[in-house]
């Protein structure tokens, strides 16, 4: 199955969302699925051989320690 994962936060962050997301992506990959990840453009272009498409990220005033993607 082809799967597109779209997330507002990803590596190099190490919070709970990213931890669970990377675990799920590994599980899907090990199950034989074809995956593409769309995430904030923070310097990560691949994750364990899976393409990461970077979207420009911006800081938001109430969460200055993290950049996120938003429309």
Protein backbone atom coordinates (compact mmCIF):
# COMPACT_ATOMS: atom_id res chain seq x y z
CA UNK A 1 0.00 0.00 0.00
CA UNK A 2 1.20 3.54 -0.69
CA UNK A 3 0.98 5.77 2.38
CA UNK A 4 1.51 9.53 2.67
CA UNK A 5 2.25 10.71 6.21
CA UNK A 6 1.67 14.43 6.77
CA UNK A 7 2.80 15.89 10.08
CA UNK A 8 3.29 19.34 11.58
CA UNK A 9 6.29 18.13 13.60
CA UNK A 10 9.06 15.63 12.87
CA UNK A 11 12.74 14.98 13.38
CA UNK A 12 15.02 16.37 14.72
CA UNK A 13 12.42 17.00 17.45
CA UNK A 14 12.27 14.21 20.03
CA UNK A 15 8.90 14.78 21.70
CA UNK A 16 6.24 12.13 22.25
CA UNK A 17 4.51 12.81 18.94
CA UNK A 18 7.70 12.32 16.96
CA UNK A 19 8.63 9.21 18.95
CA UNK A 20 5.27 7.52 18.28
CA UNK A 21 5.23 8.70 14.65
CA UNK A 22 8.70 7.30 13.88
CA UNK A 23 7.77 4.01 15.57
CA UNK A 24 4.59 3.78 13.44
CA UNK A 25 6.48 4.63 10.25
CA UNK A 26 9.05 1.91 10.99
CA UNK A 27 6.23 -0.59 11.57
CA UNK A 28 4.57 0.36 8.27
CA UNK A 29 7.88 0.10 6.40
CA UNK A 30 8.63 -3.31 7.94
CA UNK A 31 5.15 -4.43 6.84
CA UNK A 32 6.14 -3.66 3.24
CA UNK A 33 4.28 -0.41 2.67
CA UNK A 34 5.63 2.39 0.44
CA UNK A 35 5.76 5.62 2.46
CA UNK A 36 6.43 9.30 1.83
CA UNK A 37 6.61 11.77 4.72
CA UNK A 38 5.64 15.45 4.46
CA UNK A 39 7.01 17.40 7.42
CA UNK A 40 8.56 20.73 8.42
CA UNK A 41 11.75 21.47 6.51
CA UNK A 42 14.27 21.19 9.35
CA UNK A 43 17.17 19.50 7.55
CA UNK A 44 15.90 15.90 7.49
CA UNK A 45 15.56 14.65 3.90
CA UNK A 46 15.22 10.92 4.60
CA UNK A 47 14.21 8.73 7.50
CA UNK A 48 15.50 5.17 7.34
CA UNK A 49 15.46 5.28 3.55
CA UNK A 50 12.04 6.95 3.36
CA UNK A 51 11.80 10.26 1.52
CA UNK A 52 10.90 13.28 3.68
CA UNK A 53 9.40 16.16 1.70
CA UNK A 54 10.15 19.37 3.59
CA UNK A 55 7.60 22.17 3.83
CA UNK A 56 8.76 25.61 5.05
CA UNK A 57 8.39 25.85 8.82
CA UNK A 58 7.79 28.91 10.98
CA UNK A 59 7.88 29.67 14.66
CA UNK A 60 4.60 30.58 16.25
CA UNK A 61 4.46 33.16 19.06
CA UNK A 62 3.07 30.85 21.75
CA UNK A 63 5.50 27.98 21.00
CA UNK A 64 8.83 29.63 20.28
CA UNK A 65 11.00 26.57 20.91
CA UNK A 66 9.64 24.65 17.91
CA UNK A 67 9.05 25.36 14.24
CA UNK A 68 5.91 23.88 12.67
CA UNK A 69 4.29 23.73 9.25
CA UNK A 70 1.03 25.55 8.75
CA UNK A 71 -1.07 26.77 5.87
